[in-house]
């Protein structure tokens, strides 16, 4: 029987893969906490729980009418970002996949009329930096699978996807780690003001209200109060959480949804990236299970 052995919300922002001198130049001479935080996540969490498969909920991969998961046996290539090619260019990736899990998840949705999940192994399927940027920090010899964000989905759709994912995992011999790859509030400074707000200081978050909303979510995560986050979703949407907050909702749906009681442990400071809210937060499985 398979199990989910850990979960985290992680930031994938472009500065984490920039040369150190460029990061320091953007951040008033200081290192952003997101970089050492990812290294610590690998050594203190990922290595310790030893997953067979890592699943990334990728906020840069938007689909339209269905949830999609990668079903490749292996994905290799070079990635250049169309969003920011200056900072992410010809980045190599080599990712063993988990087609058995992808197909098992798809099968759970086939006879349902309340969701659509498709497993895709097309070798030409694009890859996105919300997955690629994590590899140099967190990849070992695990299998990796990426899940899309459906742009027409709502809160309950994302939670249901997570529930079905947990069911698919339980039916296989897997130790699975979930990575919700994305940020909190997600609005950027206008182009003419952008370069005045590139440091990681929370003072650069786009509005005081967005910062307040992010800090409230962090406090709920610290306390393991996932029900409060789920209930507050309509209000949180006013601050444009990245990927409709689908990365978090799919993750927590797999952990029991509103019943999840796993407290968060911060592996970075709360930081700004061009006006958006960013953090790494690890969720350890409680001794009694994810729900209480």
C-alpha atoms as a PDB file:
ATOM      1  CA  UNK A   1       0.000   0.000   0.000  1.00  0.00           C
ATOM      2  CA  UNK A   2       1.320   3.413  -0.929  1.00  0.00           C
ATOM      3  CA  UNK A   3       1.594   6.436   1.331  1.00  0.00           C
ATOM      4  CA  UNK A   4       2.253  10.159   1.259  1.00  0.00           C
ATOM      5  CA  UNK A   5       5.311  10.650   3.429  1.00  0.00           C
ATOM      6  CA  UNK A   6       5.728  14.424   3.282  1.00  0.00           C
ATOM      7  CA  UNK A   7       4.558  17.619   1.608  1.00  0.00           C
ATOM      8  CA  UNK A   8       5.786  21.158   1.066  1.00  0.00           C
ATOM      9  CA  UNK A   9       4.856  24.463  -0.495  1.00  0.00           C
ATOM     10  CA  UNK A  10       7.975  25.626  -2.327  1.00  0.00           C
ATOM     11  CA  UNK A  11       8.931  28.726  -4.257  1.00  0.00           C
ATOM     12  CA  UNK A  12      10.395  28.372  -7.759  1.00  0.00           C
ATOM     13  CA  UNK A  13      11.136  32.034  -8.539  1.00  0.00           C
ATOM     14  CA  UNK A  14      13.785  32.754 -11.217  1.00  0.00           C
ATOM     15  CA  UNK A  15      16.407  34.264  -8.854  1.00  0.00           C
ATOM     16  CA  UNK A  16      17.004  30.864  -7.221  1.00  0.00           C
ATOM     17  CA  UNK A  17      18.703  29.604 -10.397  1.00  0.00           C
ATOM     18  CA  UNK A  18      20.558  32.817 -11.236  1.00  0.00           C
ATOM     19  CA  UNK A  19      24.304  33.074 -10.532  1.00  0.00           C
ATOM     20  CA  UNK A  20      25.025  34.084  -6.949  1.00  0.00           C
ATOM     21  CA  UNK A  21      26.512  37.429  -7.946  1.00  0.00           C
ATOM     22  CA  UNK A  22      23.317  38.301  -9.822  1.00  0.00           C
ATOM     23  CA  UNK A  23      21.132  37.313  -6.855  1.00  0.00           C
ATOM     24  CA  UNK A  24      23.206  39.456  -4.513  1.00  0.00           C
ATOM     25  CA  UNK A  25      23.002  42.392  -6.903  1.00  0.00           C
ATOM     26  CA  UNK A  26      19.199  42.152  -6.923  1.00  0.00           C
ATOM     27  CA  UNK A  27      19.010  41.839  -3.150  1.00  0.00           C
ATOM     28  CA  UNK A  28      21.174  44.672  -1.833  1.00  0.00           C
ATOM     29  CA  UNK A  29      24.196  42.400  -1.433  1.00  0.00           C
ATOM     30  CA  UNK A  30      22.459  39.686   0.600  1.00  0.00           C
ATOM     31  CA  UNK A  31      21.508  36.122  -0.273  1.00  0.00           C
ATOM     32  CA  UNK A  32      17.782  35.427  -0.562  1.00  0.00           C
ATOM     33  CA  UNK A  33      16.686  32.888   2.045  1.00  0.00           C
ATOM     34  CA  UNK A  34      14.945  30.758  -0.591  1.00  0.00           C
ATOM     35  CA  UNK A  35      18.251  29.317  -1.856  1.00  0.00           C
ATOM     36  CA  UNK A  36      19.697  27.925   1.399  1.00  0.00           C
ATOM     37  CA  UNK A  37      16.136  26.957   2.310  1.00  0.00           C
ATOM     38  CA  UNK A  38      15.903  24.571  -0.645  1.00  0.00           C
ATOM     39  CA  UNK A  39      19.255  23.023   0.220  1.00  0.00           C
ATOM     40  CA  UNK A  40      18.039  22.474   3.784  1.00  0.00           C
ATOM     41  CA  UNK A  41      14.783  20.978   2.542  1.00  0.00           C
ATOM     42  CA  UNK A  42      16.744  18.389   0.588  1.00  0.00           C
ATOM     43  CA  UNK A  43      19.148  17.464   3.383  1.00  0.00           C
ATOM     44  CA  UNK A  44      16.756  17.702   6.343  1.00  0.00           C
ATOM     45  CA  UNK A  45      13.490  16.517   4.796  1.00  0.00           C
ATOM     46  CA  UNK A  46      13.667  14.882   1.368  1.00  0.00           C
ATOM     47  CA  UNK A  47      16.702  12.717   2.134  1.00  0.00           C
ATOM     48  CA  UNK A  48      15.208  11.716   5.478  1.00  0.00           C
ATOM     49  CA  UNK A  49      11.770  10.626   4.225  1.00  0.00           C
ATOM     50  CA  UNK A  50      13.286   8.983   1.104  1.00  0.00           C
ATOM     51  CA  UNK A  51      10.431   9.185  -1.424  1.00  0.00           C
ATOM     52  CA  UNK A  52      10.117   6.857  -4.400  1.00  0.00           C
ATOM     53  CA  UNK A  53       8.131   9.471  -6.318  1.00  0.00           C
ATOM     54  CA  UNK A  54       7.919  13.264  -6.106  1.00  0.00           C
ATOM     55  CA  UNK A  55       4.806  14.969  -7.467  1.00  0.00           C
ATOM     56  CA  UNK A  56       4.997  18.640  -8.443  1.00  0.00           C
ATOM     57  CA  UNK A  57       1.835  20.755  -8.651  1.00  0.00           C
ATOM     58  CA  UNK A  58       3.137  23.218 -11.227  1.00  0.00           C
ATOM     59  CA  UNK A  59       1.621  26.718 -11.186  1.00  0.00           C
ATOM     60  CA  UNK A  60       3.194  27.574 -14.539  1.00  0.00           C
ATOM     61  CA  UNK A  61       1.463  24.740 -16.381  1.00  0.00           C
ATOM     62  CA  UNK A  62      -2.082  25.909 -17.108  1.00  0.00           C
ATOM     63  CA  UNK A  63      -4.547  23.596 -18.821  1.00  0.00           C
ATOM     64  CA  UNK A  64      -8.067  24.521 -19.855  1.00  0.00           C
ATOM     65  CA  UNK A  65     -10.685  21.768 -19.665  1.00  0.00           C
ATOM     66  CA  UNK A  66      -9.011  19.003 -17.662  1.00  0.00           C
ATOM     67  CA  UNK A  67      -6.378  18.199 -15.088  1.00  0.00           C
ATOM     68  CA  UNK A  68      -3.282  16.748 -16.787  1.00  0.00           C
ATOM     69  CA  UNK A  69      -0.426  14.708 -15.322  1.00  0.00           C
ATOM     70  CA  UNK A  70       2.807  13.669 -16.984  1.00  0.00           C
ATOM     71  CA  UNK A  71       3.042   9.967 -17.811  1.00  0.00           C
ATOM     72  CA  UNK A  72       6.494   9.807 -19.378  1.00  0.00           C
ATOM     73  CA  UNK A  73       8.946   7.079 -18.523  1.00  0.00           C
ATOM     74  CA  UNK A  74      11.634   9.748 -18.722  1.00  0.00           C
ATOM     75  CA  UNK A  75      11.819  13.401 -19.783  1.00  0.00           C
ATOM     76  CA  UNK A  76      15.112  14.873 -20.963  1.00  0.00           C
ATOM     77  CA  UNK A  77      16.081  18.034 -22.765  1.00  0.00           C
ATOM     78  CA  UNK A  78      17.076  21.663 -22.434  1.00  0.00           C
ATOM     79  CA  UNK A  79      14.712  24.267 -21.014  1.00  0.00           C
ATOM     80  CA  UNK A  80      14.650  27.946 -21.933  1.00  0.00           C
ATOM     81  CA  UNK A  81      11.932  30.066 -20.373  1.00  0.00           C
ATOM     82  CA  UNK A  82       9.811  32.083 -22.781  1.00  0.00           C
ATOM     83  CA  UNK A  83       8.933  34.327 -19.823  1.00  0.00           C
ATOM     84  CA  UNK A  84      12.479  35.176 -18.775  1.00  0.00           C
ATOM     85  CA  UNK A  85      15.050  33.709 -21.200  1.00  0.00           C
ATOM     86  CA  UNK A  86      17.737  36.039 -19.841  1.00  0.00           C
ATOM     87  CA  UNK A  87      17.622  34.239 -16.498  1.00  0.00           C
ATOM     88  CA  UNK A  88      16.676  30.688 -17.495  1.00  0.00           C
ATOM     89  CA  UNK A  89      18.360  29.537 -20.689  1.00  0.00           C
ATOM     90  CA  UNK A  90      19.292  26.064 -21.994  1.00  0.00           C
ATOM     91  CA  UNK A  91      18.890  24.470 -18.566  1.00  0.00           C
ATOM     92  CA  UNK A  92      19.385  20.683 -18.833  1.00  0.00           C
ATOM     93  CA  UNK A  93      16.891  18.326 -17.224  1.00  0.00           C
ATOM     94  CA  UNK A  94      16.722  14.538 -16.952  1.00  0.00           C
ATOM     95  CA  UNK A  95      13.653  13.331 -15.064  1.00  0.00           C
ATOM     96  CA  UNK A  96      12.598   9.698 -14.588  1.00  0.00           C
ATOM     97  CA  UNK A  97       8.804   9.562 -14.486  1.00  0.00           C
ATOM     98  CA  UNK A  98       6.078   7.441 -12.906  1.00  0.00           C
ATOM     99  CA  UNK A  99       3.693   6.426 -15.694  1.00  0.00           C
ATOM    100  CA  UNK A 100       2.092   3.707 -13.539  1.00  0.00           C
ATOM    101  CA  UNK A 101       0.911   6.264 -10.998  1.00  0.00           C
ATOM    102  CA  UNK A 102      -0.232   8.689 -13.704  1.00  0.00           C
ATOM    103  CA  UNK A 103      -2.331   6.037 -15.435  1.00  0.00           C
ATOM    104  CA  UNK A 104      -3.777   4.829 -12.117  1.00  0.00           C
ATOM    105  CA  UNK A 105      -4.884   8.380 -11.309  1.00  0.00           C
ATOM    106  CA  UNK A 106      -6.448   8.861 -14.722  1.00  0.00           C
ATOM    107  CA  UNK A 107      -8.383   5.600 -14.313  1.00  0.00           C
ATOM    108  CA  UNK A 108     -10.031   6.851 -11.116  1.00  0.00           C
ATOM    109  CA  UNK A 109     -11.627   9.743 -13.026  1.00  0.00           C
ATOM    110  CA  UNK A 110     -12.785   7.869 -16.137  1.00  0.00           C
ATOM    111  CA  UNK A 111     -16.282   7.033 -14.900  1.00  0.00           C
ATOM    112  CA  UNK A 112     -16.870  10.285 -13.003  1.00  0.00           C
ATOM    113  CA  UNK A 113     -18.805  13.272 -14.317  1.00  0.00           C
ATOM    114  CA  UNK A 114     -17.398  15.770 -11.801  1.00  0.00           C
ATOM    115  CA  UNK A 115     -13.768  15.810 -12.911  1.00  0.00           C
ATOM    116  CA  UNK A 116     -11.492  15.124 -15.870  1.00  0.00           C
ATOM    117  CA  UNK A 117      -7.926  13.846 -15.477  1.00  0.00           C
ATOM    118  CA  UNK A 118      -5.667  12.900 -18.384  1.00  0.00           C
ATOM    119  CA  UNK A 119      -2.266  11.203 -18.264  1.00  0.00           C
ATOM    120  CA  UNK A 120      -0.058  12.390 -21.148  1.00  0.00           C
ATOM    121  CA  UNK A 121       3.243  10.907 -22.355  1.00  0.00           C
ATOM    122  CA  UNK A 122       3.662  13.001 -25.501  1.00  0.00           C
ATOM    123  CA  UNK A 123       7.428  13.549 -25.874  1.00  0.00           C
ATOM    124  CA  UNK A 124       6.790  17.090 -27.149  1.00  0.00           C
ATOM    125  CA  UNK A 125       4.760  18.189 -24.116  1.00  0.00           C
ATOM    126  CA  UNK A 126       6.301  21.443 -22.848  1.00  0.00           C
ATOM    127  CA  UNK A 127       7.911  21.612 -19.432  1.00  0.00           C
ATOM    128  CA  UNK A 128       7.826  24.653 -17.157  1.00  0.00           C
ATOM    129  CA  UNK A 129      10.207  26.250 -14.725  1.00  0.00           C
ATOM    130  CA  UNK A 130       8.017  25.641 -11.684  1.00  0.00           C
ATOM    131  CA  UNK A 131       9.252  22.065 -12.126  1.00  0.00           C
ATOM    132  CA  UNK A 132      12.691  22.577 -13.698  1.00  0.00           C
ATOM    133  CA  UNK A 133      13.953  25.148 -11.187  1.00  0.00           C
ATOM    134  CA  UNK A 134      13.503  22.693  -8.320  1.00  0.00           C
ATOM    135  CA  UNK A 135      15.583  19.920  -9.850  1.00  0.00           C
ATOM    136  CA  UNK A 136      19.045  21.239  -9.051  1.00  0.00           C
ATOM    137  CA  UNK A 137      18.081  21.549  -5.394  1.00  0.00           C
ATOM    138  CA  UNK A 138      15.721  18.661  -4.670  1.00  0.00           C
ATOM    139  CA  UNK A 139      16.228  15.943  -7.283  1.00  0.00           C
ATOM    140  CA  UNK A 140      17.869  12.669  -6.316  1.00  0.00           C
ATOM    141  CA  UNK A 141      17.101   9.295  -7.862  1.00  0.00           C
ATOM    142  CA  UNK A 142      13.332   9.526  -7.362  1.00  0.00           C
ATOM    143  CA  UNK A 143      10.689   9.386 -10.061  1.00  0.00           C
ATOM    144  CA  UNK A 144       9.041  12.752 -10.727  1.00  0.00           C
ATOM    145  CA  UNK A 145       5.538  13.466 -11.973  1.00  0.00           C
ATOM    146  CA  UNK A 146       4.084  16.911 -12.708  1.00  0.00           C
ATOM    147  CA  UNK A 147       0.426  17.924 -12.413  1.00  0.00           C
ATOM    148  CA  UNK A 148      -1.111  20.905 -14.186  1.00  0.00           C
ATOM    149  CA  UNK A 149      -3.298  23.690 -12.869  1.00  0.00           C
ATOM    150  CA  UNK A 150      -6.664  23.663 -14.632  1.00  0.00           C
ATOM    151  CA  UNK A 151      -7.585  27.266 -15.316  1.00  0.00           C
ATOM    152  CA  UNK A 152     -11.330  26.590 -15.214  1.00  0.00           C
ATOM    153  CA  UNK A 153     -11.216  24.688 -11.908  1.00  0.00           C
ATOM    154  CA  UNK A 154     -12.468  25.984  -8.572  1.00  0.00           C
ATOM    155  CA  UNK A 155     -11.553  25.185  -4.988  1.00  0.00           C
ATOM    156  CA  UNK A 156     -13.554  21.960  -4.823  1.00  0.00           C
ATOM    157  CA  UNK A 157     -12.148  20.737  -8.136  1.00  0.00           C
ATOM    158  CA  UNK A 158      -8.604  21.090  -6.839  1.00  0.00           C
ATOM    159  CA  UNK A 159      -9.459  19.401  -3.548  1.00  0.00           C
ATOM    160  CA  UNK A 160     -11.128  16.514  -5.393  1.00  0.00           C
ATOM    161  CA  UNK A 161      -8.055  16.040  -7.570  1.00  0.00           C
ATOM    162  CA  UNK A 162      -5.999  15.728  -4.393  1.00  0.00           C
ATOM    163  CA  UNK A 163      -8.398  13.168  -2.946  1.00  0.00           C
ATOM    164  CA  UNK A 164      -8.180  11.024  -6.078  1.00  0.00           C
ATOM    165  CA  UNK A 165      -4.408  11.352  -6.137  1.00  0.00           C
ATOM    166  CA  UNK A 166      -4.224  10.057  -2.574  1.00  0.00           C
ATOM    167  CA  UNK A 167      -6.439   7.129  -3.576  1.00  0.00           C
ATOM    168  CA  UNK A 168      -4.208   6.321  -6.545  1.00  0.00           C
ATOM    169  CA  UNK A 169      -1.109   6.441  -4.360  1.00  0.00           C
ATOM    170  CA  UNK A 170      -2.714   4.167  -1.764  1.00  0.00           C
ATOM    171  CA  UNK A 171      -3.349   1.554  -4.441  1.00  0.00           C
ATOM    172  CA  UNK A 172       0.322   1.276  -5.408  1.00  0.00           C
ATOM    173  CA  UNK A 173       3.573   0.488  -3.629  1.00  0.00           C
ATOM    174  CA  UNK A 174       4.817   4.068  -3.377  1.00  0.00           C
ATOM    175  CA  UNK A 175       6.371   6.482  -0.915  1.00  0.00           C
ATOM    176  CA  UNK A 176       5.315   9.848  -2.307  1.00  0.00           C
ATOM    177  CA  UNK A 177       6.382  13.416  -1.561  1.00  0.00           C
ATOM    178  CA  UNK A 178       4.120  16.284  -2.687  1.00  0.00           C
ATOM    179  CA  UNK A 179       5.575  19.633  -3.785  1.00  0.00           C
ATOM    180  CA  UNK A 180       3.167  22.532  -4.266  1.00  0.00           C
ATOM    181  CA  UNK A 181       5.390  24.691  -6.474  1.00  0.00           C
ATOM    182  CA  UNK A 182       4.152  28.251  -6.367  1.00  0.00           C
ATOM    183  CA  UNK A 183       3.768  31.426  -4.383  1.00  0.00           C
ATOM    184  CA  UNK A 184       1.199  33.195  -2.256  1.00  0.00           C
ATOM    185  CA  UNK A 185      -0.168  36.566  -3.458  1.00  0.00           C
ATOM    186  CA  UNK A 186       0.972  37.013  -7.033  1.00  0.00           C
ATOM    187  CA  UNK A 187       0.804  40.469  -8.548  1.00  0.00           C
ATOM    188  CA  UNK A 188       3.865  42.184 -10.030  1.00  0.00           C
ATOM    189  CA  UNK A 189       5.050  45.767 -10.043  1.00  0.00           C
ATOM    190  CA  UNK A 190       4.501  47.645 -13.334  1.00  0.00           C
ATOM    191  CA  UNK A 191       7.443  47.610 -15.745  1.00  0.00           C
ATOM    192  CA  UNK A 192       8.567  51.187 -15.040  1.00  0.00           C
ATOM    193  CA  UNK A 193       8.602  50.520 -11.296  1.00  0.00           C
ATOM    194  CA  UNK A 194       9.767  46.900 -11.412  1.00  0.00           C
ATOM    195  CA  UNK A 195      13.494  47.454 -10.866  1.00  0.00           C
ATOM    196  CA  UNK A 196      12.838  49.570  -7.797  1.00  0.00           C
ATOM    197  CA  UNK A 197      11.267  46.576  -6.051  1.00  0.00           C
ATOM    198  CA  UNK A 198      13.514  43.585  -6.810  1.00  0.00           C
ATOM    199  CA  UNK A 199      14.911  42.922  -3.341  1.00  0.00           C
ATOM    200  CA  UNK A 200      13.382  40.163  -1.233  1.00  0.00           C
ATOM    201  CA  UNK A 201      12.196  42.549   1.489  1.00  0.00           C
ATOM    202  CA  UNK A 202       8.529  41.963   2.376  1.00  0.00           C
ATOM    203  CA  UNK A 203       8.205  45.731   2.062  1.00  0.00           C
ATOM    204  CA  UNK A 204       8.182  45.120  -1.686  1.00  0.00           C
ATOM    205  CA  UNK A 205       4.989  43.023  -1.602  1.00  0.00           C
ATOM    206  CA  UNK A 206       2.593  44.660  -4.049  1.00  0.00           C
ATOM    207  CA  UNK A 207       0.123  46.001  -1.424  1.00  0.00           C
ATOM    208  CA  UNK A 208      -0.099  46.022   2.382  1.00  0.00           C
ATOM    209  CA  UNK A 209      -3.371  44.086   2.062  1.00  0.00           C
ATOM    210  CA  UNK A 210      -1.708  41.328   0.039  1.00  0.00           C
ATOM    211  CA  UNK A 211       1.062  41.073   2.619  1.00  0.00           C
ATOM    212  CA  UNK A 212      -1.490  40.866   5.419  1.00  0.00           C
ATOM    213  CA  UNK A 213      -3.369  38.084   3.603  1.00  0.00           C
ATOM    214  CA  UNK A 214      -0.128  36.145   3.034  1.00  0.00           C
ATOM    215  CA  UNK A 215       0.905  36.482   6.651  1.00  0.00           C
ATOM    216  CA  UNK A 216      -2.495  35.229   7.783  1.00  0.00           C
ATOM    217  CA  UNK A 217      -2.110  32.130   5.575  1.00  0.00           C
ATOM    218  CA  UNK A 218       1.353  31.542   7.017  1.00  0.00           C
ATOM    219  CA  UNK A 219      -0.010  31.777  10.550  1.00  0.00           C
ATOM    220  CA  UNK A 220      -2.712  29.206   9.725  1.00  0.00           C
ATOM    221  CA  UNK A 221      -0.108  26.920   8.164  1.00  0.00           C
ATOM    222  CA  UNK A 222       2.136  27.316  11.213  1.00  0.00           C
ATOM    223  CA  UNK A 223      -0.772  26.116  13.342  1.00  0.00           C
ATOM    224  CA  UNK A 224      -1.859  23.332  10.988  1.00  0.00           C
ATOM    225  CA  UNK A 225      -5.239  25.017  10.510  1.00  0.00           C
ATOM    226  CA  UNK A 226      -5.837  24.049   6.879  1.00  0.00           C
ATOM    227  CA  UNK A 227      -9.599  24.331   7.294  1.00  0.00           C
ATOM    228  CA  UNK A 228      -9.204  28.073   7.887  1.00  0.00           C
ATOM    229  CA  UNK A 229      -7.178  28.485   4.687  1.00  0.00           C
ATOM    230  CA  UNK A 230      -9.729  26.533   2.660  1.00  0.00           C
ATOM    231  CA  UNK A 231     -12.638  28.484   4.138  1.00  0.00           C
ATOM    232  CA  UNK A 232     -10.882  31.801   3.413  1.00  0.00           C
ATOM    233  CA  UNK A 233     -10.237  30.915  -0.234  1.00  0.00           C
ATOM    234  CA  UNK A 234     -12.826  33.331  -1.720  1.00  0.00           C
ATOM    235  CA  UNK A 235     -11.209  36.238   0.132  1.00  0.00           C
ATOM    236  CA  UNK A 236      -7.679  35.093  -0.725  1.00  0.00           C
ATOM    237  CA  UNK A 237      -8.538  35.135  -4.425  1.00  0.00           C
ATOM    238  CA  UNK A 238      -8.766  38.947  -4.201  1.00  0.00           C
ATOM    239  CA  UNK A 239      -4.958  38.934  -3.928  1.00  0.00           C
ATOM    240  CA  UNK A 240      -4.430  36.676  -6.960  1.00  0.00           C
ATOM    241  CA  UNK A 241      -2.660  33.720  -5.322  1.00  0.00           C
ATOM    242  CA  UNK A 242      -0.391  32.052  -7.846  1.00  0.00           C
ATOM    243  CA  UNK A 243      -2.033  29.377  -9.973  1.00  0.00           C
ATOM    244  CA  UNK A 244      -5.455  30.062  -8.396  1.00  0.00           C
ATOM    245  CA  UNK A 245      -3.827  28.576  -5.267  1.00  0.00           C
ATOM    246  CA  UNK A 246      -4.431  25.244  -6.996  1.00  0.00           C
ATOM    247  CA  UNK A 247      -0.969  23.971  -6.052  1.00  0.00           C
ATOM    248  CA  UNK A 248      -1.767  24.242  -2.350  1.00  0.00           C
ATOM    249  CA  UNK A 249      -5.359  23.021  -2.677  1.00  0.00           C
ATOM    250  CA  UNK A 250      -4.377  19.893  -4.620  1.00  0.00           C
ATOM    251  CA  UNK A 251      -1.660  19.184  -2.087  1.00  0.00           C
ATOM    252  CA  UNK A 252      -3.896  19.616   0.949  1.00  0.00           C
ATOM    253  CA  UNK A 253      -6.712  17.704  -0.769  1.00  0.00           C
ATOM    254  CA  UNK A 254      -4.390  14.715  -0.898  1.00  0.00           C
ATOM    255  CA  UNK A 255      -3.643  15.172   2.813  1.00  0.00           C
ATOM    256  CA  UNK A 256      -7.273  15.107   3.914  1.00  0.00           C
ATOM    257  CA  UNK A 257      -8.518  18.539   2.890  1.00  0.00           C
ATOM    258  CA  UNK A 258     -10.105  20.568   5.673  1.00  0.00           C
ATOM    259  CA  UNK A 259      -9.375  17.709   8.064  1.00  0.00           C
ATOM    260  CA  UNK A 260      -5.610  18.036   7.587  1.00  0.00           C
ATOM    261  CA  UNK A 261      -3.900  19.052  10.819  1.00  0.00           C
ATOM    262  CA  UNK A 262      -0.243  18.996   9.737  1.00  0.00           C
ATOM    263  CA  UNK A 263       1.574  22.071  11.087  1.00  0.00           C
ATOM    264  CA  UNK A 264       4.012  23.841   8.814  1.00  0.00           C
ATOM    265  CA  UNK A 265       7.725  24.410   9.388  1.00  0.00           C
ATOM    266  CA  UNK A 266       9.248  27.348   7.539  1.00  0.00           C
ATOM    267  CA  UNK A 267      12.342  26.670   5.472  1.00  0.00           C
ATOM    268  CA  UNK A 268      12.749  30.272   4.347  1.00  0.00           C
ATOM    269  CA  UNK A 269      11.744  33.731   5.363  1.00  0.00           C
ATOM    270  CA  UNK A 270       8.578  35.213   3.922  1.00  0.00           C
ATOM    271  CA  UNK A 271      10.004  37.128   0.983  1.00  0.00           C
ATOM    272  CA  UNK A 272       8.966  39.250  -1.957  1.00  0.00           C
ATOM    273  CA  UNK A 273       9.804  38.404  -5.552  1.00  0.00           C
ATOM    274  CA  UNK A 274       8.949  41.420  -7.707  1.00  0.00           C
ATOM    275  CA  UNK A 275       5.885  42.103  -5.573  1.00  0.00           C
ATOM    276  CA  UNK A 276       4.724  38.507  -5.072  1.00  0.00           C
ATOM    277  CA  UNK A 277       4.715  36.593  -1.783  1.00  0.00           C
ATOM    278  CA  UNK A 278       7.107  33.623  -1.493  1.00  0.00           C
ATOM    279  CA  UNK A 279       8.006  31.017   1.133  1.00  0.00           C
ATOM    280  CA  UNK A 280       9.131  27.416   1.587  1.00  0.00           C
ATOM    281  CA  UNK A 281       6.924  25.556   4.090  1.00  0.00           C
ATOM    282  CA  UNK A 282       7.364  21.882   5.016  1.00  0.00           C
ATOM    283  CA  UNK A 283       4.476  19.783   6.351  1.00  0.00           C
ATOM    284  CA  UNK A 284       5.512  16.735   8.342  1.00  0.00           C
ATOM    285  CA  UNK A 285       3.056  13.870   8.565  1.00  0.00           C
ATOM    286  CA  UNK A 286       1.790  13.720  12.165  1.00  0.00           C
ATOM    287  CA  UNK A 287       2.241  10.414  14.008  1.00  0.00           C
ATOM    288  CA  UNK A 288      -1.512   9.807  13.891  1.00  0.00           C
ATOM    289  CA  UNK A 289      -1.776  10.548  10.164  1.00  0.00           C
ATOM    290  CA  UNK A 290      -2.521  13.638   8.115  1.00  0.00           C
ATOM    291  CA  UNK A 291      -6.010  14.206   9.533  1.00  0.00           C
ATOM    292  CA  UNK A 292      -7.078  14.523  13.128  1.00  0.00           C
END
